[in-house]
Protein backbone atom coordinates (compact mmCIF):
# COMPACT_ATOMS: atom_id res chain seq x y z
CA MET A 1 -0.13 -1.22 -28.03
CA LEU A 2 -2.55 -2.24 -25.29
CA LYS A 3 -0.82 -0.04 -22.75
CA THR A 4 -1.72 3.06 -24.78
CA LEU A 5 -5.44 2.41 -25.12
CA LYS A 6 -7.44 4.71 -22.85
CA ASN A 7 -10.11 2.18 -21.96
CA ILE A 8 -7.70 -0.57 -20.95
CA ARG A 9 -6.95 -0.64 -17.25
CA LYS A 10 -3.41 -1.08 -16.00
CA LEU A 11 -2.94 -4.64 -17.25
CA TYR A 12 0.82 -4.38 -17.09
CA ASN A 13 0.64 -4.70 -13.29
CA ALA A 14 -1.74 -7.68 -13.42
CA LYS A 15 -0.78 -11.02 -11.88
CA LEU A 16 -2.27 -14.17 -13.46
CA LEU A 17 -2.32 -17.73 -12.17
CA PHE A 18 -2.76 -20.50 -14.73
CA VAL A 19 -3.33 -24.17 -13.99
CA SER A 20 -3.19 -26.82 -16.70
CA ASN A 21 -1.65 -30.19 -17.49
CA ASP A 22 -1.81 -29.51 -21.23
CA ILE A 23 1.69 -28.77 -22.55
CA ASP A 24 0.47 -27.15 -25.78
CA VAL A 25 -1.88 -24.80 -23.97
CA LYS A 26 0.80 -23.87 -21.43
CA LYS A 27 3.19 -22.96 -24.25
CA THR A 28 0.52 -20.83 -25.91
CA ILE A 29 -0.23 -18.97 -22.69
CA GLU A 30 3.42 -18.49 -21.78
CA ASN A 31 4.46 -17.25 -25.22
CA GLU A 32 1.57 -14.83 -25.66
CA PHE A 33 1.19 -13.26 -22.22
CA ASP A 34 4.62 -12.17 -21.01
CA GLU A 35 4.48 -8.90 -22.95
CA TYR A 36 1.32 -7.61 -21.30
CA PHE A 37 1.20 -8.68 -17.67
CA LYS A 38 3.36 -8.17 -14.61
CA GLU A 39 3.45 -11.80 -13.56
CA LEU A 40 2.29 -15.10 -15.05
CA THR A 41 2.53 -18.20 -12.85
CA LEU A 42 1.95 -21.59 -14.50
CA VAL A 43 1.29 -24.71 -12.44
CA GLU A 44 -0.05 -28.21 -13.09
CA SER A 45 -1.70 -29.36 -9.87
CA ALA A 46 -4.47 -28.27 -7.54
CA SER A 47 -2.18 -28.47 -4.52
CA GLU A 48 0.19 -25.92 -6.07
CA VAL A 49 -2.70 -23.58 -6.84
CA LEU A 50 -4.10 -23.67 -3.30
CA LEU A 51 -0.68 -23.08 -1.77
CA LEU A 52 -0.04 -20.09 -4.04
CA LEU A 53 -3.46 -18.59 -3.29
CA LYS A 54 -2.67 -18.67 0.42
CA GLU A 55 0.61 -16.82 -0.02
CA ASN A 56 -0.05 -14.42 -2.92
CA ASN A 57 -2.57 -12.04 -4.44
CA TYR A 58 -3.62 -12.68 -8.04
CA ASP A 59 -5.90 -10.71 -10.34
CA MET A 60 -7.21 -13.75 -12.22
CA ILE A 61 -6.97 -17.51 -12.47
CA ILE A 62 -7.26 -19.49 -15.71
CA ILE A 63 -8.29 -23.09 -15.08
CA ASP A 64 -7.96 -25.84 -17.66
CA THR A 65 -10.26 -28.82 -17.17
CA ASP A 66 -7.13 -30.88 -17.86
CA VAL A 67 -5.57 -30.52 -14.41
CA GLU A 68 -3.30 -32.87 -12.50
CA ALA A 69 -4.50 -34.93 -9.52
CA LYS A 70 -7.90 -33.29 -9.03
CA ASP A 71 -11.31 -33.39 -10.64
CA PHE A 72 -12.17 -30.16 -12.40
CA ASP A 73 -15.24 -29.48 -10.25
CA ASN A 74 -13.22 -30.14 -7.11
CA ILE A 75 -10.49 -27.65 -7.91
CA CYS A 76 -13.04 -25.00 -8.93
CA ALA A 77 -14.81 -25.39 -5.59
CA GLN A 78 -11.54 -25.16 -3.65
CA VAL A 79 -10.39 -22.09 -5.58
CA SER A 80 -13.75 -20.40 -4.95
CA GLU A 81 -13.45 -21.14 -1.24
CA ALA A 82 -9.83 -19.96 -1.00
CA ALA A 83 -10.34 -16.78 -3.08
CA PRO A 84 -14.06 -15.96 -3.40
CA THR A 85 -13.64 -12.79 -5.45
CA LEU A 86 -10.91 -14.00 -7.82
CA PRO A 87 -12.11 -13.86 -11.47
CA LYS A 88 -11.90 -17.14 -13.38
CA ILE A 89 -11.66 -18.17 -17.01
CA ILE A 90 -12.24 -21.83 -17.85
CA ILE A 91 -10.76 -23.60 -20.86
CA SER A 92 -11.56 -27.14 -21.98
CA ASN A 93 -11.02 -29.65 -24.77
CA LYS A 94 -14.72 -30.43 -24.66
CA ASP A 95 -17.87 -28.45 -24.01
CA ASN A 96 -19.94 -30.96 -22.07
CA ASN A 97 -22.80 -29.69 -19.95
CA GLU A 98 -21.28 -30.89 -16.68
CA ASP A 99 -18.14 -28.74 -17.05
CA ILE A 100 -20.15 -25.74 -18.23
CA VAL A 101 -22.45 -25.99 -15.21
CA THR A 102 -19.41 -26.24 -12.91
CA ALA A 103 -17.96 -23.11 -14.50
CA ILE A 104 -21.23 -21.22 -14.09
CA ASN A 105 -21.71 -22.36 -10.49
CA ASN A 106 -18.23 -21.07 -9.66
CA SER A 107 -18.87 -17.67 -11.30
CA ALA A 108 -16.47 -18.11 -14.19
CA TYR A 109 -16.26 -15.13 -16.52
CA THR A 110 -16.24 -17.26 -19.66
CA PHE A 111 -15.74 -20.82 -20.96
CA LEU A 112 -13.38 -21.35 -23.92
CA THR A 113 -12.91 -24.57 -25.88
CA LYS A 114 -9.75 -25.91 -27.47
CA PRO A 115 -8.00 -25.56 -29.81
CA LEU A 116 -7.35 -22.07 -28.47
CA ARG A 117 -6.49 -19.16 -30.67
CA PRO A 118 -4.00 -16.98 -28.77
CA LYS A 119 -5.93 -13.79 -29.47
CA ASP A 120 -9.14 -15.31 -28.08
CA ILE A 121 -7.66 -16.14 -24.70
CA LYS A 122 -5.80 -12.81 -24.62
CA LEU A 123 -8.94 -10.79 -25.35
CA SER A 124 -10.93 -12.80 -22.80
CA VAL A 125 -8.37 -11.99 -20.11
CA ILE A 126 -8.28 -8.29 -21.02
CA MET A 127 -12.06 -7.96 -21.03
CA CYS A 128 -12.45 -9.94 -17.83
CA LEU A 129 -9.90 -7.84 -15.96
CA ASN A 130 -11.70 -4.69 -17.04
CA GLN A 131 -15.29 -5.80 -16.54
CA THR A 132 -14.79 -7.48 -13.18
CA LYS A 133 -13.40 -4.25 -11.70
CA ARG A 134 -9.89 -5.52 -11.24
CA GLY A 135 -8.28 -2.85 -9.19
CA ASP A 136 -5.07 -0.99 -9.71
CA LYS A 137 -3.41 -2.40 -6.62
CA ILE A 138 -1.04 -0.93 -4.09
CA GLU A 139 0.61 -3.80 -2.24
CA PHE A 140 2.01 -3.92 1.28
CA GLN A 141 3.59 -6.63 3.42
CA ASN A 142 1.77 -9.84 4.42
CA GLY A 143 -0.42 -9.78 1.32
CA ILE A 144 -2.32 -6.65 2.34
CA TYR A 145 -3.28 -4.45 -0.63
CA PHE A 146 -5.34 -1.39 -1.48
CA ASP A 147 -7.58 -1.69 -4.53
CA GLU A 148 -7.80 1.86 -5.89
CA TYR A 149 -10.63 0.99 -8.29
CA ARG A 150 -12.87 -0.46 -5.58
CA ASP A 151 -11.55 1.90 -2.90
CA GLN A 152 -11.07 -0.93 -0.41
CA PHE A 153 -8.29 -2.72 1.46
CA PHE A 154 -7.97 -6.50 1.20
CA LYS A 155 -6.11 -9.42 2.72
CA PRO A 156 -4.79 -12.39 0.65
CA GLY A 157 -7.56 -14.21 -1.17
CA GLY A 158 -9.61 -11.05 -1.64
CA ILE A 159 -10.85 -10.90 1.97
CA LEU A 160 -12.05 -7.39 2.80
CA VAL A 161 -10.34 -5.58 5.67
CA ASP A 162 -13.19 -4.16 7.74
CA PHE A 163 -11.93 -0.64 8.34
CA THR A 164 -14.06 2.15 9.76
CA ARG A 165 -14.41 5.38 7.79
CA LEU A 166 -11.73 7.08 9.89
CA GLU A 167 -9.32 4.13 9.67
CA LYS A 168 -9.61 3.92 5.90
CA GLY A 169 -9.38 7.68 5.51
CA PHE A 170 -6.25 7.73 7.67
CA LEU A 171 -4.51 5.09 5.55
CA LYS A 172 -5.56 6.68 2.24
CA LEU A 173 -4.14 10.01 3.35
CA LEU A 174 -0.80 8.40 4.19
CA ILE A 175 -0.80 6.62 0.82
CA THR A 176 -1.25 9.91 -1.05
CA ARG A 177 1.72 11.28 0.92
CA LYS A 178 3.94 8.22 0.61
CA GLY A 179 7.53 8.90 1.57
CA GLU A 180 6.53 11.97 3.56
CA ILE A 181 5.76 12.41 7.25
CA THR A 182 2.15 13.50 7.65
CA ASP A 183 1.80 15.79 10.65
CA TYR A 184 -1.03 15.73 13.18
CA ASP A 185 -2.65 18.95 11.95
CA THR A 186 -2.89 17.62 8.39
CA ILE A 187 -4.43 14.37 9.64
CA LYS A 188 -6.94 16.29 11.75
CA SER A 189 -7.87 18.53 8.84
CA VAL A 190 -8.24 15.81 6.19
CA VAL A 191 -9.44 12.76 8.12
CA TRP A 192 -11.38 14.36 10.97
CA LYS A 193 -12.47 17.29 8.79
CA GLY A 194 -11.30 19.71 11.44
CA LYS A 195 -13.50 18.25 14.17
CA ASN A 196 -12.22 17.74 17.71
CA MET A 197 -9.55 15.09 17.88
CA SER A 198 -7.04 14.30 20.59
CA ILE A 199 -3.64 12.72 20.08
CA TYR A 200 -4.93 9.72 22.07
CA THR A 201 -7.82 9.26 19.64
CA MET A 202 -5.36 9.28 16.75
CA ARG A 203 -3.12 6.76 18.45
CA ASN A 204 -6.14 4.53 19.06
CA ILE A 205 -6.97 4.63 15.33
CA VAL A 206 -3.38 3.73 14.46
CA ASN A 207 -3.42 0.78 16.87
CA LYS A 208 -6.68 -0.55 15.39
CA ILE A 209 -5.29 -0.33 11.86
CA ARG A 210 -2.19 -2.23 12.95
CA GLN A 211 -4.29 -4.92 14.63
CA LYS A 212 -6.29 -5.44 11.44
CA THR A 213 -3.21 -5.56 9.18
CA TYR A 214 0.33 -5.60 10.60
CA TYR A 215 2.25 -3.35 12.96
CA GLU A 216 4.69 -1.72 10.51
CA ILE A 217 2.02 -0.56 8.03
CA ILE A 218 2.09 2.79 9.86
CA ARG A 219 5.35 4.14 11.20
CA ASN A 220 5.42 6.75 13.93
CA HIS A 221 7.91 9.64 13.93
CA SER A 222 7.88 10.95 17.49
CA ASN A 223 6.29 14.39 17.85
CA ARG A 224 6.19 14.80 14.07
CA GLY A 225 3.54 12.50 12.64
CA TYR A 226 3.12 9.26 10.68
CA VAL A 227 4.33 7.72 7.42
CA ILE A 228 2.98 4.72 5.47
CA ASP A 229 5.05 1.56 5.11
CA ASP A 230 6.97 1.00 1.88
CA MET A 231 4.63 -0.06 -0.87
CA GLN A 232 4.82 -1.24 -4.46
CA LYS A 233 2.45 -1.02 -7.41
């Protein structure tokens, strides 16, 4: 049903990371969420979370105060450092002031107390993903992705790729023409708006994009033009 609602963003391509040492909560999350989201990763320890954040892009993390081998405030701080823009939901079996302050200081979207009703956690996730501008992502190799909603490119952990206007415009054009070779005249017309542009200038832009991401993100077809690397949504 959720996929048909006009005001719900594309939740079915969302990737969630959940950390808890509470077996009952993990079962609740696992049983309720598989239908709606692209990927749900459940872990118990802070070390697993930090390793996953280095190697993957997630749209949200749900942190239970009952977490293995780390204090709750410690793991929140480490998650915030590793992925500054990653939205967070906090759940707890108690609502003491210390945990609430930790959640607030780490920009958590909301704080839920146990026992959890499945629909409460589900609605919190849906609303958070929509209200925190979770993008509809186009993913490339090495964790690089384009957030269509925010119109920006990011590295793993939500780190912004600092493209110039021309660099970003070049990549966006290739994305719209995925699977096709984009010729030099089209690039000049769309990206440079018809202004003077030499083939050497274009090559320089391509090299800068590759340096900021990875070499194969743009593929050159000699004397014909460029094509974007394979991507997935």
